[in-house]
Amino acid sequence: AGDVDTLLLDKTGTITLGNRQATGFHPVEGISAEALADA
């Protein structure tokens, strides 16, 4: 461990908090954001 040159780290739970969170709704043209959120 003291001589390690390369460190492999899983992203989830190590680099990030582990739980992805919904941050936004992006509707296509002709669909409201509320309709997308409802579905």
PDB file of all heavy atoms in Angstrom:
ATOM      1  N   ALA A   1       0.833  -1.210   0.000  1.00  0.00           N
ATOM      2  CA  ALA A   1       0.000   0.000   0.000  1.00  0.00           C
ATOM      3  C   ALA A   1       0.864   1.255   0.000  1.00  0.00           C
ATOM      4  O   ALA A   1       0.514   2.266  -0.611  1.00  0.00           O
ATOM      5  CB  ALA A   1      -0.941  -0.003   1.199  1.00  0.00           C
ATOM      6  N   GLY A   2       1.995   1.192   0.680  1.00  0.00           N
ATOM      7  CA  GLY A   2       2.893   2.341   0.719  1.00  0.00           C
ATOM      8  C   GLY A   2       3.636   2.585  -0.574  1.00  0.00           C
ATOM      9  O   GLY A   2       4.161   3.672  -0.798  1.00  0.00           O
ATOM     10  N   ASP A   3       3.695   1.571  -1.435  1.00  0.00           N
ATOM     11  CA  ASP A   3       4.414   1.687  -2.711  1.00  0.00           C
ATOM     12  C   ASP A   3       3.484   1.783  -3.908  1.00  0.00           C
ATOM     13  O   ASP A   3       3.930   1.699  -5.056  1.00  0.00           O
ATOM     14  CB  ASP A   3       5.333   0.470  -2.900  1.00  0.00           C
ATOM     15  CG  ASP A   3       6.606   0.577  -2.066  1.00  0.00           C
ATOM     16  OD1 ASP A   3       7.057   1.713  -1.836  1.00  0.00           O
ATOM     17  OD2 ASP A   3       7.141  -0.461  -1.656  1.00  0.00           O
ATOM     18  N   VAL A   4       2.176   1.943  -3.657  1.00  0.00           N
ATOM     19  CA  VAL A   4       1.195   1.942  -4.743  1.00  0.00           C
ATOM     20  C   VAL A   4       1.470   3.083  -5.732  1.00  0.00           C
ATOM     21  O   VAL A   4       1.773   4.210  -5.337  1.00  0.00           O
ATOM     22  CB  VAL A   4      -0.229   2.062  -4.166  1.00  0.00           C
ATOM     23  CG1 VAL A   4      -1.212   2.552  -5.206  1.00  0.00           C
ATOM     24  CG2 VAL A   4      -0.684   0.721  -3.628  1.00  0.00           C
ATOM     25  N   ASP A   5       1.366   2.750  -7.024  1.00  0.00           N
ATOM     26  CA  ASP A   5       1.529   3.750  -8.086  1.00  0.00           C
ATOM     27  C   ASP A   5       0.197   4.129  -8.719  1.00  0.00           C
ATOM     28  O   ASP A   5       0.030   5.247  -9.190  1.00  0.00           O
ATOM     29  CB  ASP A   5       2.442   3.196  -9.193  1.00  0.00           C
ATOM     30  CG  ASP A   5       3.804   2.791  -8.679  1.00  0.00           C
ATOM     31  OD1 ASP A   5       4.572   3.691  -8.291  1.00  0.00           O
ATOM     32  OD2 ASP A   5       4.106   1.583  -8.658  1.00  0.00           O
ATOM     33  N   THR A   6      -0.740   3.164  -8.762  1.00  0.00           N
ATOM     34  CA  THR A   6      -2.022   3.385  -9.421  1.00  0.00           C
ATOM     35  C   THR A   6      -3.157   2.989  -8.493  1.00  0.00           C
ATOM     36  O   THR A   6      -3.120   1.916  -7.894  1.00  0.00           O
ATOM     37  CB  THR A   6      -2.133   2.562 -10.722  1.00  0.00           C
ATOM     38  OG1 THR A   6      -1.027   2.885 -11.572  1.00  0.00           O
ATOM     39  CG2 THR A   6      -3.429   2.868 -11.450  1.00  0.00           C
ATOM     40  N   LEU A   7      -4.133   3.870  -8.378  1.00  0.00           N
ATOM     41  CA  LEU A   7      -5.264   3.649  -7.481  1.00  0.00           C
ATOM     42  C   LEU A   7      -6.535   3.578  -8.314  1.00  0.00           C
ATOM     43  O   LEU A   7      -6.892   4.524  -9.018  1.00  0.00           O
ATOM     44  CB  LEU A   7      -5.346   4.815  -6.488  1.00  0.00           C
ATOM     45  CG  LEU A   7      -6.028   4.600  -5.150  1.00  0.00           C
ATOM     46  CD1 LEU A   7      -5.391   3.471  -4.380  1.00  0.00           C
ATOM     47  CD2 LEU A   7      -5.971   5.883  -4.327  1.00  0.00           C
ATOM     48  N   LEU A   8      -7.217   2.406  -8.277  1.00  0.00           N
ATOM     49  CA  LEU A   8      -8.481   2.245  -8.993  1.00  0.00           C
ATOM     50  C   LEU A   8      -9.633   2.469  -8.014  1.00  0.00           C
ATOM     51  O   LEU A   8      -9.686   1.824  -6.972  1.00  0.00           O
ATOM     52  CB  LEU A   8      -8.588   0.846  -9.604  1.00  0.00           C
ATOM     53  CG  LEU A   8      -7.453   0.388 -10.521  1.00  0.00           C
ATOM     54  CD1 LEU A   8      -7.793  -0.945 -11.150  1.00  0.00           C
ATOM     55  CD2 LEU A   8      -7.156   1.417 -11.596  1.00  0.00           C
ATOM     56  N   LEU A   9     -10.541   3.366  -8.369  1.00  0.00           N
ATOM     57  CA  LEU A   9     -11.626   3.726  -7.466  1.00  0.00           C
ATOM     58  C   LEU A   9     -12.962   3.650  -8.193  1.00  0.00           C
ATOM     59  O   LEU A   9     -13.121   4.226  -9.280  1.00  0.00           O
ATOM     60  CB  LEU A   9     -11.432   5.151  -6.934  1.00  0.00           C
ATOM     61  CG  LEU A   9     -10.165   5.394  -6.111  1.00  0.00           C
ATOM     62  CD1 LEU A   9      -9.696   6.814  -6.293  1.00  0.00           C
ATOM     63  CD2 LEU A   9     -10.413   5.109  -4.655  1.00  0.00           C
ATOM     64  N   ASP A  10     -13.919   2.931  -7.586  1.00  0.00           N
ATOM     65  CA  ASP A  10     -15.272   2.935  -8.136  1.00  0.00           C
ATOM     66  C   ASP A  10     -15.863   4.334  -7.991  1.00  0.00           C
ATOM     67  O   ASP A  10     -15.657   5.004  -6.974  1.00  0.00           O
ATOM     68  CB  ASP A  10     -16.156   1.939  -7.381  1.00  0.00           C
ATOM     69  CG  ASP A  10     -16.026   0.543  -7.948  1.00  0.00           C
ATOM     70  OD1 ASP A  10     -15.789   0.425  -9.160  1.00  0.00           O
ATOM     71  OD2 ASP A  10     -16.149  -0.423  -7.178  1.00  0.00           O
ATOM     72  N   LYS A  11     -16.618   4.738  -9.016  1.00  0.00           N
ATOM     73  CA  LYS A  11     -17.238   6.064  -8.959  1.00  0.00           C
ATOM     74  C   LYS A  11     -18.293   6.127  -7.861  1.00  0.00           C
ATOM     75  O   LYS A  11     -18.233   6.969  -6.970  1.00  0.00           O
ATOM     76  CB  LYS A  11     -17.876   6.399 -10.304  1.00  0.00           C
ATOM     77  CG  LYS A  11     -18.535   7.774 -10.361  1.00  0.00           C
ATOM     78  CD  LYS A  11     -19.595   7.853 -11.435  1.00  0.00           C
ATOM     79  CE  LYS A  11     -20.837   7.080 -11.053  1.00  0.00           C
ATOM     80  NZ  LYS A  11     -21.950   7.233 -12.003  1.00  0.00           N
ATOM     81  N   THR A  12     -19.243   5.218  -7.917  1.00  0.00           N
ATOM     82  CA  THR A  12     -20.397   5.273  -7.022  1.00  0.00           C
ATOM     83  C   THR A  12     -20.002   4.923  -5.598  1.00  0.00           C
ATOM     84  O   THR A  12     -19.448   3.854  -5.346  1.00  0.00           O
ATOM     85  CB  THR A  12     -21.496   4.315  -7.500  1.00  0.00           C
ATOM     86  OG1 THR A  12     -21.815   4.628  -8.850  1.00  0.00           O
ATOM     87  CG2 THR A  12     -22.732   4.450  -6.642  1.00  0.00           C
ATOM     88  N   GLY A  13     -20.276   5.824  -4.676  1.00  0.00           N
ATOM     89  CA  GLY A  13     -19.988   5.587  -3.266  1.00  0.00           C
ATOM     90  C   GLY A  13     -18.577   5.949  -2.862  1.00  0.00           C
ATOM     91  O   GLY A  13     -18.286   6.060  -1.667  1.00  0.00           O
ATOM     92  N   THR A  14     -17.695   6.128  -3.839  1.00  0.00           N
ATOM     93  CA  THR A  14     -16.315   6.484  -3.526  1.00  0.00           C
ATOM     94  C   THR A  14     -16.038   7.924  -3.934  1.00  0.00           C
ATOM     95  O   THR A  14     -15.642   8.753  -3.125  1.00  0.00           O
ATOM     96  CB  THR A  14     -15.339   5.534  -4.254  1.00  0.00           C
ATOM     97  OG1 THR A  14     -15.652   4.197  -3.922  1.00  0.00           O
ATOM     98  CG2 THR A  14     -13.906   5.834  -3.854  1.00  0.00           C
ATOM     99  N   ILE A  15     -16.263   8.206  -5.209  1.00  0.00           N
ATOM    100  CA  ILE A  15     -16.042   9.554  -5.716  1.00  0.00           C
ATOM    101  C   ILE A  15     -17.329  10.373  -5.625  1.00  0.00           C
ATOM    102  O   ILE A  15     -17.307  11.557  -5.297  1.00  0.00           O
ATOM    103  CB  ILE A  15     -15.526   9.488  -7.164  1.00  0.00           C
ATOM    104  CG1 ILE A  15     -14.135   8.843  -7.168  1.00  0.00           C
ATOM    105  CG2 ILE A  15     -15.488  10.870  -7.804  1.00  0.00           C
ATOM    106  CD1 ILE A  15     -13.593   8.547  -8.541  1.00  0.00           C
ATOM    107  N   THR A  16     -18.454   9.715  -5.889  1.00  0.00           N
ATOM    108  CA  THR A  16     -19.756  10.383  -5.747  1.00  0.00           C
ATOM    109  C   THR A  16     -20.470   9.857  -4.504  1.00  0.00           C
ATOM    110  O   THR A  16     -20.057   8.855  -3.920  1.00  0.00           O
ATOM    111  CB  THR A  16     -20.637  10.142  -6.987  1.00  0.00           C
ATOM    112  OG1 THR A  16     -20.924   8.735  -7.088  1.00  0.00           O
ATOM    113  CG2 THR A  16     -19.924  10.603  -8.246  1.00  0.00           C
ATOM    114  N   LEU A  17     -21.538  10.533  -4.125  1.00  0.00           N
ATOM    115  CA  LEU A  17     -22.255  10.152  -2.906  1.00  0.00           C
ATOM    116  C   LEU A  17     -22.945   8.805  -3.024  1.00  0.00           C
ATOM    117  O   LEU A  17     -23.296   8.195  -2.024  1.00  0.00           O
ATOM    118  CB  LEU A  17     -23.293  11.224  -2.546  1.00  0.00           C
ATOM    119  CG  LEU A  17     -22.720  12.581  -2.121  1.00  0.00           C
ATOM    120  CD1 LEU A  17     -23.836  13.578  -1.873  1.00  0.00           C
ATOM    121  CD2 LEU A  17     -21.844  12.433  -0.880  1.00  0.00           C
ATOM    122  N   GLY A  18     -23.145   8.336  -4.243  1.00  0.00           N
ATOM    123  CA  GLY A  18     -23.663   6.980  -4.403  1.00  0.00           C
ATOM    124  C   GLY A  18     -25.085   6.918  -4.911  1.00  0.00           C
ATOM    125  O   GLY A  18     -25.460   5.987  -5.610  1.00  0.00           O
ATOM    126  N   ASN A  19     -25.897   7.889  -4.611  1.00  0.00           N
ATOM    127  CA  ASN A  19     -27.290   7.878  -5.053  1.00  0.00           C
ATOM    128  C   ASN A  19     -27.523   9.032  -6.023  1.00  0.00           C
ATOM    129  O   ASN A  19     -27.447  10.207  -5.634  1.00  0.00           O
ATOM    130  CB  ASN A  19     -28.248   8.005  -3.869  1.00  0.00           C
ATOM    131  CG  ASN A  19     -28.163   6.812  -2.941  1.00  0.00           C
ATOM    132  OD1 ASN A  19     -27.872   5.706  -3.377  1.00  0.00           O
ATOM    133  ND2 ASN A  19     -28.414   7.040  -1.668  1.00  0.00           N
ATOM    134  N   ARG A  20     -27.782   8.721  -7.278  1.00  0.00           N
ATOM    135  CA  ARG A  20     -28.090   9.774  -8.247  1.00  0.00           C
ATOM    136  C   ARG A  20     -29.451  10.381  -7.915  1.00  0.00           C
ATOM    137  O   ARG A  20     -30.380   9.676  -7.529  1.00  0.00           O
ATOM    138  CB  ARG A  20     -28.087   9.196  -9.661  1.00  0.00           C
ATOM    139  CG  ARG A  20     -26.718   8.741 -10.124  1.00  0.00           C
ATOM    140  CD  ARG A  20     -26.785   8.094 -11.490  1.00  0.00           C
ATOM    141  NE  ARG A  20     -27.627   6.904 -11.472  1.00  0.00           N
ATOM    142  CZ  ARG A  20     -27.847   6.135 -12.533  1.00  0.00           C
ATOM    143  NH1 ARG A  20     -27.302   6.446 -13.684  1.00  0.00           N
ATOM    144  NH2 ARG A  20     -28.621   5.073 -12.437  1.00  0.00           N
ATOM    145  N   GLN A  21     -29.540  11.672  -8.087  1.00  0.00           N
ATOM    146  CA  GLN A  21     -30.761  12.392  -7.757  1.00  0.00           C
ATOM    147  C   GLN A  21     -31.324  13.060  -9.010  1.00  0.00           C
ATOM    148  O   GLN A  21     -30.572  13.609  -9.829  1.00  0.00           O
ATOM    149  CB  GLN A  21     -30.492  13.462  -6.693  1.00  0.00           C
ATOM    150  CG  GLN A  21     -29.944  12.909  -5.390  1.00  0.00           C
ATOM    151  CD  GLN A  21     -30.968  12.076  -4.646  1.00  0.00           C
ATOM    152  OE1 GLN A  21     -32.093  12.510  -4.421  1.00  0.00           O
ATOM    153  NE2 GLN A  21     -30.568  10.868  -4.276  1.00  0.00           N
ATOM    154  N   ALA A  22     -32.649  13.014  -9.161  1.00  0.00           N
ATOM    155  CA  ALA A  22     -33.297  13.718 -10.262  1.00  0.00           C
ATOM    156  C   ALA A  22     -33.177  15.218 -10.029  1.00  0.00           C
ATOM    157  O   ALA A  22     -33.490  15.722  -8.951  1.00  0.00           O
ATOM    158  CB  ALA A  22     -34.765  13.308 -10.361  1.00  0.00           C
ATOM    159  N   THR A  23     -32.701  15.935 -11.066  1.00  0.00           N
ATOM    160  CA  THR A  23     -32.505  17.384 -10.917  1.00  0.00           C
ATOM    161  C   THR A  23     -33.290  18.202 -11.934  1.00  0.00           C
ATOM    162  O   THR A  23     -33.332  19.426 -11.824  1.00  0.00           O
ATOM    163  CB  THR A  23     -31.008  17.732 -11.048  1.00  0.00           C
ATOM    164  OG1 THR A  23     -30.528  17.259 -12.320  1.00  0.00           O
ATOM    165  CG2 THR A  23     -30.193  17.091  -9.937  1.00  0.00           C
ATOM    166  N   GLY A  24     -33.876  17.538 -12.940  1.00  0.00           N
ATOM    167  CA  GLY A  24     -34.628  18.325 -13.918  1.00  0.00           C
ATOM    168  C   GLY A  24     -35.404  17.467 -14.897  1.00  0.00           C
ATOM    169  O   GLY A  24     -35.085  16.294 -15.109  1.00  0.00           O
ATOM    170  N   PHE A  25     -36.468  18.090 -15.482  1.00  0.00           N
ATOM    171  CA  PHE A  25     -37.266  17.450 -16.531  1.00  0.00           C
ATOM    172  C   PHE A  25     -37.078  18.262 -17.817  1.00  0.00           C
ATOM    173  O   PHE A  25     -37.241  19.489 -17.807  1.00  0.00           O
ATOM    174  CB  PHE A  25     -38.753  17.406 -16.148  1.00  0.00           C
ATOM    175  CG  PHE A  25     -39.036  16.592 -14.910  1.00  0.00           C
ATOM    176  CD1 PHE A  25     -39.355  17.212 -13.709  1.00  0.00           C
ATOM    177  CD2 PHE A  25     -38.983  15.204 -14.945  1.00  0.00           C
ATOM    178  CE1 PHE A  25     -39.620  16.478 -12.566  1.00  0.00           C
ATOM    179  CE2 PHE A  25     -39.251  14.453 -13.805  1.00  0.00           C
ATOM    180  CZ  PHE A  25     -39.558  15.085 -12.610  1.00  0.00           C
ATOM    181  N   HIS A  26     -36.730  17.580 -18.918  1.00  0.00           N
ATOM    182  CA  HIS A  26     -36.458  18.254 -20.188  1.00  0.00           C
ATOM    183  C   HIS A  26     -37.407  17.701 -21.257  1.00  0.00           C
ATOM    184  O   HIS A  26     -37.119  16.679 -21.883  1.00  0.00           O
ATOM    185  CB  HIS A  26     -35.001  18.035 -20.606  1.00  0.00           C
ATOM    186  CG  HIS A  26     -34.010  18.485 -19.583  1.00  0.00           C
ATOM    187  ND1 HIS A  26     -33.514  19.761 -19.538  1.00  0.00           N
ATOM    188  CD2 HIS A  26     -33.430  17.815 -18.540  1.00  0.00           C
ATOM    189  CE1 HIS A  26     -32.659  19.873 -18.530  1.00  0.00           C
ATOM    190  NE2 HIS A  26     -32.601  18.698 -17.908  1.00  0.00           N
ATOM    191  N   PRO A  27     -38.539  18.350 -21.471  1.00  0.00           N
ATOM    192  CA  PRO A  27     -39.521  17.830 -22.435  1.00  0.00           C
ATOM    193  C   PRO A  27     -39.097  18.111 -23.882  1.00  0.00           C
ATOM    194  O   PRO A  27     -38.343  19.048 -24.156  1.00  0.00           O
ATOM    195  CB  PRO A  27     -40.796  18.588 -22.075  1.00  0.00           C
ATOM    196  CG  PRO A  27     -40.298  19.887 -21.513  1.00  0.00           C
ATOM    197  CD  PRO A  27     -39.021  19.571 -20.790  1.00  0.00           C
ATOM    198  N   VAL A  28     -39.609  17.306 -24.800  1.00  0.00           N
ATOM    199  CA  VAL A  28     -39.399  17.579 -26.221  1.00  0.00           C
ATOM    200  C   VAL A  28     -40.429  18.610 -26.657  1.00  0.00           C
ATOM    201  O   VAL A  28     -41.385  18.940 -25.933  1.00  0.00           O
ATOM    202  CB  VAL A  28     -39.530  16.279 -27.057  1.00  0.00           C
ATOM    203  CG1 VAL A  28     -38.475  15.273 -26.660  1.00  0.00           C
ATOM    204  CG2 VAL A  28     -40.922  15.678 -26.927  1.00  0.00           C
ATOM    205  N   GLU A  29     -40.261  19.144 -27.862  1.00  0.00           N
ATOM    206  CA  GLU A  29     -41.162  20.174 -28.368  1.00  0.00           C
ATOM    207  C   GLU A  29     -42.594  19.628 -28.470  1.00  0.00           C
ATOM    208  O   GLU A  29     -42.821  18.507 -28.922  1.00  0.00           O
ATOM    209  CB  GLU A  29     -40.694  20.638 -29.752  1.00  0.00           C
ATOM    210  CG  GLU A  29     -41.485  21.823 -30.272  1.00  0.00           C
ATOM    211  CD  GLU A  29     -40.934  22.337 -31.588  1.00  0.00           C
ATOM    212  OE1 GLU A  29     -39.868  21.838 -32.020  1.00  0.00           O
ATOM    213  OE2 GLU A  29     -41.575  23.216 -32.187  1.00  0.00           O
ATOM    214  N   GLY A  30     -43.508  20.398 -27.960  1.00  0.00           N
ATOM    215  CA  GLY A  30     -44.908  20.007 -28.006  1.00  0.00           C
ATOM    216  C   GLY A  30     -45.398  19.346 -26.739  1.00  0.00           C
ATOM    217  O   GLY A  30     -46.595  19.067 -26.604  1.00  0.00           O
ATOM    218  N   ILE A  31     -44.496  19.089 -25.803  1.00  0.00           N
ATOM    219  CA  ILE A  31     -44.851  18.466 -24.517  1.00  0.00           C
ATOM    220  C   ILE A  31     -44.484  19.441 -23.400  1.00  0.00           C
ATOM    221  O   ILE A  31     -43.380  19.997 -23.371  1.00  0.00           O
ATOM    222  CB  ILE A  31     -44.102  17.130 -24.311  1.00  0.00           C
ATOM    223  CG1 ILE A  31     -44.423  16.146 -25.419  1.00  0.00           C
ATOM    224  CG2 ILE A  31     -44.430  16.535 -22.941  1.00  0.00           C
ATOM    225  CD1 ILE A  31     -45.868  15.693 -25.478  1.00  0.00           C
ATOM    226  N   SER A  32     -45.397  19.640 -22.464  1.00  0.00           N
ATOM    227  CA  SER A  32     -45.101  20.530 -21.336  1.00  0.00           C
ATOM    228  C   SER A  32     -44.243  19.811 -20.300  1.00  0.00           C
ATOM    229  O   SER A  32     -44.281  18.576 -20.189  1.00  0.00           O
ATOM    230  CB  SER A  32     -46.399  21.014 -20.686  1.00  0.00           C
ATOM    231  OG  SER A  32     -47.051  19.936 -20.016  1.00  0.00           O
ATOM    232  N   ALA A  33     -43.479  20.602 -19.562  1.00  0.00           N
ATOM    233  CA  ALA A  33     -42.644  20.026 -18.511  1.00  0.00           C
ATOM    234  C   ALA A  33     -43.499  19.338 -17.460  1.00  0.00           C
ATOM    235  O   ALA A  33     -43.116  18.301 -16.901  1.00  0.00           O
ATOM    236  CB  ALA A  33     -41.781  21.107 -17.867  1.00  0.00           C
ATOM    237  N   GLU A  34     -44.695  19.885 -17.199  1.00  0.00           N
ATOM    238  CA  GLU A  34     -45.570  19.282 -16.191  1.00  0.00           C
ATOM    239  C   GLU A  34     -46.087  17.924 -16.654  1.00  0.00           C
ATOM    240  O   GLU A  34     -46.178  16.984 -15.865  1.00  0.00           O
ATOM    241  CB  GLU A  34     -46.742  20.212 -15.888  1.00  0.00           C
ATOM    242  CG  GLU A  34     -47.625  19.705 -14.759  1.00  0.00           C
ATOM    243  CD  GLU A  34     -48.680  20.715 -14.341  1.00  0.00           C
ATOM    244  OE1 GLU A  34     -48.650  21.855 -14.853  1.00  0.00           O
ATOM    245  OE2 GLU A  34     -49.534  20.367 -13.505  1.00  0.00           O
ATOM    246  N   ALA A  35     -46.393  17.800 -17.956  1.00  0.00           N
ATOM    247  CA  ALA A  35     -46.863  16.514 -18.492  1.00  0.00           C
ATOM    248  C   ALA A  35     -45.755  15.466 -18.404  1.00  0.00           C
ATOM    249  O   ALA A  35     -46.009  14.296 -18.080  1.00  0.00           O
ATOM    250  CB  ALA A  35     -47.328  16.677 -19.931  1.00  0.00           C
ATOM    251  N   LEU A  36     -44.533  15.887 -18.714  1.00  0.00           N
ATOM    252  CA  LEU A  36     -43.391  14.964 -18.591  1.00  0.00           C
ATOM    253  C   LEU A  36     -43.207  14.541 -17.140  1.00  0.00           C
ATOM    254  O   LEU A  36     -43.017  13.351 -16.844  1.00  0.00           O
ATOM    255  CB  LEU A  36     -42.124  15.633 -19.113  1.00  0.00           C
ATOM    256  CG  LEU A  36     -40.808  14.890 -18.861  1.00  0.00           C
ATOM    257  CD1 LEU A  36     -40.811  13.518 -19.524  1.00  0.00           C
ATOM    258  CD2 LEU A  36     -39.614  15.726 -19.369  1.00  0.00           C
ATOM    259  N   ALA A  37     -43.273  15.506 -16.202  1.00  0.00           N
ATOM    260  CA  ALA A  37     -43.098  15.201 -14.783  1.00  0.00           C
ATOM    261  C   ALA A  37     -44.187  14.268 -14.286  1.00  0.00           C
ATOM    262  O   ALA A  37     -43.941  13.353 -13.481  1.00  0.00           O
ATOM    263  CB  ALA A  37     -43.078  16.484 -13.962  1.00  0.00           C
ATOM    264  N   ASP A  38     -45.439  14.491 -14.767  1.00  0.00           N
ATOM    265  CA  ASP A  38     -46.556  13.646 -14.356  1.00  0.00           C
ATOM    266  C   ASP A  38     -46.331  12.199 -14.799  1.00  0.00           C
ATOM    267  O   ASP A  38     -46.511  11.259 -14.017  1.00  0.00           O
ATOM    268  CB  ASP A  38     -47.852  14.187 -14.956  1.00  0.00           C
ATOM    269  CG  ASP A  38     -49.062  13.341 -14.546  1.00  0.00           C
ATOM    270  OD1 ASP A  38     -49.432  13.373 -13.356  1.00  0.00           O
ATOM    271  OD2 ASP A  38     -49.601  12.635 -15.419  1.00  0.00           O
ATOM    272  N   ALA A  39     -45.905  11.992 -16.037  1.00  0.00           N
ATOM    273  CA  ALA A  39     -45.655  10.638 -16.545  1.00  0.00           C
ATOM    274  C   ALA A  39     -44.478   9.993 -15.817  1.00  0.00           C
ATOM    275  O   ALA A  39     -44.515   8.805 -15.458  1.00  0.00           O
ATOM    276  CB  ALA A  39     -45.394  10.688 -18.050  1.00  0.00           C
TER     277      ALA A  39
END
